[in-house]
Amino acid sequence: METISINTEFIRLQDLLKLTGLAATGGEAKVRIQAGEASVNGEICLQRGKKLREGDVASFQGRSFRVVYAP
């Protein structure tokens, strides 16, 4: 599992996919999320604007990312 450090209250799922390089654009992230390719905390998530906070785990294409807050 990889760690994604944020310095804000949350990061949106689509932004996490772009940040990690798993989606090249916001449009690509939107399509993939709405197709059911991403999960948050073990459940399929179809909300591209899903807010991920510290402790949440997002999974996509066999990779998992834990969100940690690092001010």
PDB file of N, CA and C in Angstrom:
ATOM      1  N   MET A   1       0.834  -1.172   0.000  1.00  0.00           N
ATOM      2  CA  MET A   1       0.000   0.000   0.000  1.00  0.00           C
ATOM      3  C   MET A   1       0.884   1.241   0.000  1.00  0.00           C
ATOM      4  N   GLU A   2       0.518   2.198  -0.834  1.00  0.00           N
ATOM      5  CA  GLU A   2       1.261   3.447  -0.937  1.00  0.00           C
ATOM      6  C   GLU A   2       0.579   4.522  -0.090  1.00  0.00           C
ATOM      7  N   THR A   3       1.325   5.543   0.249  1.00  0.00           N
ATOM      8  CA  THR A   3       0.799   6.630   1.066  1.00  0.00           C
ATOM      9  C   THR A   3       0.742   7.903   0.246  1.00  0.00           C
ATOM     10  N   ILE A   4      -0.371   8.611   0.368  1.00  0.00           N
ATOM     11  CA  ILE A   4      -0.531   9.911  -0.272  1.00  0.00           C
ATOM     12  C   ILE A   4      -0.665  10.938   0.852  1.00  0.00           C
ATOM     13  N   SER A   5       0.256  11.871   0.926  1.00  0.00           N
ATOM     14  CA  SER A   5       0.217  12.907   1.957  1.00  0.00           C
ATOM     15  C   SER A   5      -0.498  14.134   1.422  1.00  0.00           C
ATOM     16  N   ILE A   6      -1.435  14.645   2.223  1.00  0.00           N
ATOM     17  CA  ILE A   6      -2.140  15.865   1.851  1.00  0.00           C
ATOM     18  C   ILE A   6      -1.948  16.897   2.954  1.00  0.00           C
ATOM     19  N   ASN A   7      -2.044  18.159   2.600  1.00  0.00           N
ATOM     20  CA  ASN A   7      -1.929  19.212   3.612  1.00  0.00           C
ATOM     21  C   ASN A   7      -3.218  20.033   3.687  1.00  0.00           C
ATOM     22  N   THR A   8      -4.289  19.459   3.175  1.00  0.00           N
ATOM     23  CA  THR A   8      -5.614  20.051   3.244  1.00  0.00           C
ATOM     24  C   THR A   8      -6.524  19.059   3.961  1.00  0.00           C
ATOM     25  N   GLU A   9      -7.761  19.459   4.206  1.00  0.00           N
ATOM     26  CA  GLU A   9      -8.696  18.597   4.932  1.00  0.00           C
ATOM     27  C   GLU A   9      -9.009  17.314   4.169  1.00  0.00           C
ATOM     28  N   PHE A  10      -9.072  17.414   2.833  1.00  0.00           N
ATOM     29  CA  PHE A  10      -9.425  16.257   2.012  1.00  0.00           C
ATOM     30  C   PHE A  10      -8.829  16.386   0.621  1.00  0.00           C
ATOM     31  N   ILE A  11      -8.890  15.284  -0.138  1.00  0.00           N
ATOM     32  CA  ILE A  11      -8.549  15.281  -1.561  1.00  0.00           C
ATOM     33  C   ILE A  11      -9.671  14.532  -2.263  1.00  0.00           C
ATOM     34  N   ARG A  12     -10.088  15.034  -3.396  1.00  0.00           N
ATOM     35  CA  ARG A  12     -11.157  14.365  -4.151  1.00  0.00           C
ATOM     36  C   ARG A  12     -10.576  13.158  -4.890  1.00  0.00           C
ATOM     37  N   LEU A  13     -11.411  12.145  -5.039  1.00  0.00           N
ATOM     38  CA  LEU A  13     -10.965  10.904  -5.676  1.00  0.00           C
ATOM     39  C   LEU A  13     -10.365  11.164  -7.047  1.00  0.00           C
ATOM     40  N   GLN A  14     -11.012  11.972  -7.855  1.00  0.00           N
ATOM     41  CA  GLN A  14     -10.488  12.230  -9.207  1.00  0.00           C
ATOM     42  C   GLN A  14      -9.122  12.915  -9.151  1.00  0.00           C
ATOM     43  N   ASP A  15      -8.930  13.772  -8.151  1.00  0.00           N
ATOM     44  CA  ASP A  15      -7.641  14.450  -8.010  1.00  0.00           C
ATOM     45  C   ASP A  15      -6.552  13.486  -7.544  1.00  0.00           C
ATOM     46  N   LEU A  16      -6.929  12.522  -6.716  1.00  0.00           N
ATOM     47  CA  LEU A  16      -5.965  11.513  -6.283  1.00  0.00           C
ATOM     48  C   LEU A  16      -5.497  10.688  -7.480  1.00  0.00           C
ATOM     49  N   LEU A  17      -6.415  10.335  -8.361  1.00  0.00           N
ATOM     50  CA  LEU A  17      -6.026   9.550  -9.546  1.00  0.00           C
ATOM     51  C   LEU A  17      -5.084  10.342 -10.443  1.00  0.00           C
ATOM     52  N   LYS A  18      -5.335  11.633 -10.579  1.00  0.00           N
ATOM     53  CA  LYS A  18      -4.439  12.471 -11.378  1.00  0.00           C
ATOM     54  C   LYS A  18      -3.087  12.633 -10.690  1.00  0.00           C
ATOM     55  N   LEU A  19      -3.100  12.871  -9.383  1.00  0.00           N
ATOM     56  CA  LEU A  19      -1.861  13.064  -8.620  1.00  0.00           C
ATOM     57  C   LEU A  19      -0.950  11.846  -8.710  1.00  0.00           C
ATOM     58  N   THR A  20      -1.530  10.664  -8.672  1.00  0.00           N
ATOM     59  CA  THR A  20      -0.736   9.439  -8.701  1.00  0.00           C
ATOM     60  C   THR A  20      -0.343   9.024 -10.119  1.00  0.00           C
ATOM     61  N   GLY A  21      -0.850   9.733 -11.124  1.00  0.00           N
ATOM     62  CA  GLY A  21      -0.522   9.414 -12.504  1.00  0.00           C
ATOM     63  C   GLY A  21      -1.344   8.277 -13.082  1.00  0.00           C
ATOM     64  N   LEU A  22      -2.358   7.816 -12.364  1.00  0.00           N
ATOM     65  CA  LEU A  22      -3.190   6.724 -12.860  1.00  0.00           C
ATOM     66  C   LEU A  22      -4.247   7.211 -13.854  1.00  0.00           C
ATOM     67  N   ALA A  23      -4.464   8.507 -13.890  1.00  0.00           N
ATOM     68  CA  ALA A  23      -5.338   9.116 -14.886  1.00  0.00           C
ATOM     69  C   ALA A  23      -4.602  10.344 -15.412  1.00  0.00           C
ATOM     70  N   ALA A  24      -4.564  10.475 -16.717  1.00  0.00           N
ATOM     71  CA  ALA A  24      -3.819  11.576 -17.316  1.00  0.00           C
ATOM     72  C   ALA A  24      -4.561  12.908 -17.197  1.00  0.00           C
ATOM     73  N   THR A  25      -5.887  12.848 -17.213  1.00  0.00           N
ATOM     74  CA  THR A  25      -6.685  14.068 -17.158  1.00  0.00           C
ATOM     75  C   THR A  25      -7.867  13.870 -16.218  1.00  0.00           C
ATOM     76  N   GLY A  26      -8.503  14.977 -15.877  1.00  0.00           N
ATOM     77  CA  GLY A  26      -9.712  14.893 -15.059  1.00  0.00           C
ATOM     78  C   GLY A  26     -10.826  14.167 -15.790  1.00  0.00           C
ATOM     79  N   GLY A  27     -10.889  14.350 -17.105  1.00  0.00           N
ATOM     80  CA  GLY A  27     -11.897  13.662 -17.908  1.00  0.00           C
ATOM     81  C   GLY A  27     -11.715  12.152 -17.875  1.00  0.00           C
ATOM     82  N   GLU A  28     -10.478  11.718 -17.984  1.00  0.00           N
ATOM     83  CA  GLU A  28     -10.199  10.280 -17.913  1.00  0.00           C
ATOM     84  C   GLU A  28     -10.563   9.732 -16.536  1.00  0.00           C
ATOM     85  N   ALA A  29     -10.206  10.472 -15.491  1.00  0.00           N
ATOM     86  CA  ALA A  29     -10.530  10.039 -14.129  1.00  0.00           C
ATOM     87  C   ALA A  29     -12.032   9.910 -13.959  1.00  0.00           C
ATOM     88  N   LYS A  30     -12.783  10.876 -14.458  1.00  0.00           N
ATOM     89  CA  LYS A  30     -14.247  10.865 -14.354  1.00  0.00           C
ATOM     90  C   LYS A  30     -14.836   9.617 -15.000  1.00  0.00           C
ATOM     91  N   VAL A  31     -14.407   9.317 -16.205  1.00  0.00           N
ATOM     92  CA  VAL A  31     -14.928   8.161 -16.935  1.00  0.00           C
ATOM     93  C   VAL A  31     -14.607   6.864 -16.203  1.00  0.00           C
ATOM     94  N   ARG A  32     -13.395   6.727 -15.736  1.00  0.00           N
ATOM     95  CA  ARG A  32     -12.986   5.492 -15.059  1.00  0.00           C
ATOM     96  C   ARG A  32     -13.703   5.310 -13.724  1.00  0.00           C
ATOM     97  N   ILE A  33     -13.892   6.404 -12.985  1.00  0.00           N
ATOM     98  CA  ILE A  33     -14.604   6.314 -11.711  1.00  0.00           C
ATOM     99  C   ILE A  33     -16.057   5.937 -11.958  1.00  0.00           C
ATOM    100  N   GLN A  34     -16.696   6.600 -12.906  1.00  0.00           N
ATOM    101  CA  GLN A  34     -18.101   6.318 -13.190  1.00  0.00           C
ATOM    102  C   GLN A  34     -18.312   4.941 -13.797  1.00  0.00           C
ATOM    103  N   ALA A  35     -17.248   4.336 -14.317  1.00  0.00           N
ATOM    104  CA  ALA A  35     -17.326   2.970 -14.843  1.00  0.00           C
ATOM    105  C   ALA A  35     -17.149   1.938 -13.732  1.00  0.00           C
ATOM    106  N   GLY A  36     -16.928   2.406 -12.505  1.00  0.00           N
ATOM    107  CA  GLY A  36     -16.803   1.490 -11.375  1.00  0.00           C
ATOM    108  C   GLY A  36     -15.424   0.895 -11.206  1.00  0.00           C
ATOM    109  N   GLU A  37     -14.397   1.549 -11.729  1.00  0.00           N
ATOM    110  CA  GLU A  37     -13.039   1.010 -11.656  1.00  0.00           C
ATOM    111  C   GLU A  37     -12.307   1.362 -10.363  1.00  0.00           C
ATOM    112  N   ALA A  38     -12.868   2.272  -9.562  1.00  0.00           N
ATOM    113  CA  ALA A  38     -12.191   2.701  -8.325  1.00  0.00           C
ATOM    114  C   ALA A  38     -13.005   2.291  -7.110  1.00  0.00           C
ATOM    115  N   SER A  39     -12.297   2.065  -6.016  1.00  0.00           N
ATOM    116  CA  SER A  39     -12.995   1.773  -4.761  1.00  0.00           C
ATOM    117  C   SER A  39     -12.399   2.624  -3.646  1.00  0.00           C
ATOM    118  N   VAL A  40     -13.240   2.895  -2.658  1.00  0.00           N
ATOM    119  CA  VAL A  40     -12.823   3.658  -1.483  1.00  0.00           C
ATOM    120  C   VAL A  40     -13.210   2.845  -0.258  1.00  0.00           C
ATOM    121  N   ASN A  41     -12.222   2.560   0.565  1.00  0.00           N
ATOM    122  CA  ASN A  41     -12.431   1.762   1.776  1.00  0.00           C
ATOM    123  C   ASN A  41     -13.125   0.428   1.479  1.00  0.00           C
ATOM    124  N   GLY A  42     -12.726  -0.188   0.365  1.00  0.00           N
ATOM    125  CA  GLY A  42     -13.215  -1.517   0.024  1.00  0.00           C
ATOM    126  C   GLY A  42     -14.540  -1.571  -0.717  1.00  0.00           C
ATOM    127  N   GLU A  43     -15.147  -0.422  -1.017  1.00  0.00           N
ATOM    128  CA  GLU A  43     -16.421  -0.406  -1.723  1.00  0.00           C
ATOM    129  C   GLU A  43     -16.276   0.377  -3.024  1.00  0.00           C
ATOM    130  N   ILE A  44     -16.884  -0.139  -4.100  1.00  0.00           N
ATOM    131  CA  ILE A  44     -16.861   0.563  -5.379  1.00  0.00           C
ATOM    132  C   ILE A  44     -17.432   1.956  -5.182  1.00  0.00           C
ATOM    133  N   CYS A  45     -16.763   2.942  -5.752  1.00  0.00           N
ATOM    134  CA  CYS A  45     -17.196   4.334  -5.615  1.00  0.00           C
ATOM    135  C   CYS A  45     -17.427   4.912  -7.009  1.00  0.00           C
ATOM    136  N   LEU A  46     -18.625   5.435  -7.246  1.00  0.00           N
ATOM    137  CA  LEU A  46     -18.958   6.029  -8.534  1.00  0.00           C
ATOM    138  C   LEU A  46     -18.964   7.554  -8.475  1.00  0.00           C
ATOM    139  N   GLN A  47     -18.594   8.118  -7.338  1.00  0.00           N
ATOM    140  CA  GLN A  47     -18.588   9.573  -7.153  1.00  0.00           C
ATOM    141  C   GLN A  47     -17.196  10.127  -7.412  1.00  0.00           C
ATOM    142  N   ARG A  48     -17.017  10.819  -8.517  1.00  0.00           N
ATOM    143  CA  ARG A  48     -15.677  11.345  -8.815  1.00  0.00           C
ATOM    144  C   ARG A  48     -15.266  12.425  -7.833  1.00  0.00           C
ATOM    145  N   GLY A  49     -16.240  13.110  -7.245  1.00  0.00           N
ATOM    146  CA  GLY A  49     -15.940  14.152  -6.283  1.00  0.00           C
ATOM    147  C   GLY A  49     -15.883  13.655  -4.849  1.00  0.00           C
ATOM    148  N   LYS A  50     -15.830  12.343  -4.667  1.00  0.00           N
ATOM    149  CA  LYS A  50     -15.777  11.760  -3.326  1.00  0.00           C
ATOM    150  C   LYS A  50     -14.598  12.349  -2.563  1.00  0.00           C
ATOM    151  N   LYS A  51     -14.877  12.853  -1.363  1.00  0.00           N
ATOM    152  CA  LYS A  51     -13.829  13.450  -0.541  1.00  0.00           C
ATOM    153  C   LYS A  51     -13.138  12.369   0.282  1.00  0.00           C
ATOM    154  N   LEU A  52     -11.836  12.268   0.108  1.00  0.00           N
ATOM    155  CA  LEU A  52     -11.038  11.316   0.867  1.00  0.00           C
ATOM    156  C   LEU A  52     -10.308  12.076   1.966  1.00  0.00           C
ATOM    157  N   ARG A  53     -10.446  11.581   3.178  1.00  0.00           N
ATOM    158  CA  ARG A  53      -9.815  12.208   4.330  1.00  0.00           C
ATOM    159  C   ARG A  53      -8.773  11.262   4.925  1.00  0.00           C
ATOM    160  N   GLU A  54      -8.032  11.748   5.895  1.00  0.00           N
ATOM    161  CA  GLU A  54      -6.990  10.941   6.519  1.00  0.00           C
ATOM    162  C   GLU A  54      -7.532   9.583   6.943  1.00  0.00           C
ATOM    163  N   GLY A  55      -6.798   8.545   6.580  1.00  0.00           N
ATOM    164  CA  GLY A  55      -7.181   7.185   6.936  1.00  0.00           C
ATOM    165  C   GLY A  55      -7.945   6.454   5.851  1.00  0.00           C
ATOM    166  N   ASP A  56      -8.520   7.191   4.892  1.00  0.00           N
ATOM    167  CA  ASP A  56      -9.245   6.537   3.798  1.00  0.00           C
ATOM    168  C   ASP A  56      -8.260   5.823   2.877  1.00  0.00           C
ATOM    169  N   VAL A  57      -8.732   4.749   2.263  1.00  0.00           N
ATOM    170  CA  VAL A  57      -7.918   3.985   1.319  1.00  0.00           C
ATOM    171  C   VAL A  57      -8.650   3.918  -0.013  1.00  0.00           C
ATOM    172  N   ALA A  58      -7.988   4.377  -1.065  1.00  0.00           N
ATOM    173  CA  ALA A  58      -8.537   4.319  -2.414  1.00  0.00           C
ATOM    174  C   ALA A  58      -7.759   3.271  -3.197  1.00  0.00           C
ATOM    175  N   SER A  59      -8.483   2.466  -3.972  1.00  0.00           N
ATOM    176  CA  SER A  59      -7.846   1.431  -4.793  1.00  0.00           C
ATOM    177  C   SER A  59      -8.244   1.613  -6.247  1.00  0.00           C
ATOM    178  N   PHE A  60      -7.268   1.382  -7.129  1.00  0.00           N
ATOM    179  CA  PHE A  60      -7.491   1.555  -8.561  1.00  0.00           C
ATOM    180  C   PHE A  60      -6.425   0.770  -9.298  1.00  0.00           C
ATOM    181  N   GLN A  61      -6.825  -0.025 -10.260  1.00  0.00           N
ATOM    182  CA  GLN A  61      -5.902  -0.809 -11.091  1.00  0.00           C
ATOM    183  C   GLN A  61      -4.908  -1.620 -10.265  1.00  0.00           C
ATOM    184  N   GLY A  62      -5.380  -2.238  -9.197  1.00  0.00           N
ATOM    185  CA  GLY A  62      -4.531  -3.098  -8.394  1.00  0.00           C
ATOM    186  C   GLY A  62      -3.591  -2.379  -7.439  1.00  0.00           C
ATOM    187  N   ARG A  63      -3.691  -1.059  -7.361  1.00  0.00           N
ATOM    188  CA  ARG A  63      -2.854  -0.291  -6.441  1.00  0.00           C
ATOM    189  C   ARG A  63      -3.741   0.338  -5.377  1.00  0.00           C
ATOM    190  N   SER A  64      -3.234   0.431  -4.161  1.00  0.00           N
ATOM    191  CA  SER A  64      -3.990   1.026  -3.058  1.00  0.00           C
ATOM    192  C   SER A  64      -3.206   2.185  -2.472  1.00  0.00           C
ATOM    193  N   PHE A  65      -3.948   3.220  -2.077  1.00  0.00           N
ATOM    194  CA  PHE A  65      -3.350   4.440  -1.549  1.00  0.00           C
ATOM    195  C   PHE A  65      -4.049   4.835  -0.256  1.00  0.00           C
ATOM    196  N   ARG A  66      -3.280   4.990   0.811  1.00  0.00           N
ATOM    197  CA  ARG A  66      -3.826   5.457   2.084  1.00  0.00           C
ATOM    198  C   ARG A  66      -3.551   6.949   2.186  1.00  0.00           C
ATOM    199  N   VAL A  67      -4.584   7.706   2.525  1.00  0.00           N
ATOM    200  CA  VAL A  67      -4.459   9.154   2.657  1.00  0.00           C
ATOM    201  C   VAL A  67      -3.998   9.481   4.074  1.00  0.00           C
ATOM    202  N   VAL A  68      -2.937  10.284   4.169  1.00  0.00           N
ATOM    203  CA  VAL A  68      -2.452  10.735   5.469  1.00  0.00           C
ATOM    204  C   VAL A  68      -2.346  12.258   5.433  1.00  0.00           C
ATOM    205  N   TYR A  69      -2.641  12.869   6.560  1.00  0.00           N
ATOM    206  CA  TYR A  69      -2.568  14.327   6.682  1.00  0.00           C
ATOM    207  C   TYR A  69      -1.192  14.710   7.190  1.00  0.00           C
ATOM    208  N   ALA A  70      -0.508  15.539   6.435  1.00  0.00           N
ATOM    209  CA  ALA A  70       0.832  15.997   6.823  1.00  0.00           C
ATOM    210  C   ALA A  70       0.900  17.502   6.602  1.00  0.00           C
ATOM    211  N   PRO A  71       0.542  18.282   7.615  1.00  0.00           N
ATOM    212  CA  PRO A  71       0.494  19.751   7.443  1.00  0.00           C
ATOM    213  C   PRO A  71       1.840  20.368   7.158  1.00  0.00           C
TER     214      PRO A  71
END
